[in-house]
């Protein structure tokens, strides 16, 4: 069985070469919201997950969004 490589939201952002403020501008989120999502990824709703995946250029299934 193939194991998926996962990364945290913060790691995905850093890997994309974005600061918090740069990512917020592209995502349309406030700074506090993005920090909250990075600390508590289980709070990210499905629609926002797709946007994060698009902006960070990483498949959604490779970003850790908490326990499922």
Foldseek 3Di string as FASTA:
>chain_A
DDDAAADELVVLCVLLVHDLVRVCVQLVHDSVVSVVCRVQLLPDDPVSLVSSCVSSVHDSVRYDSDDD
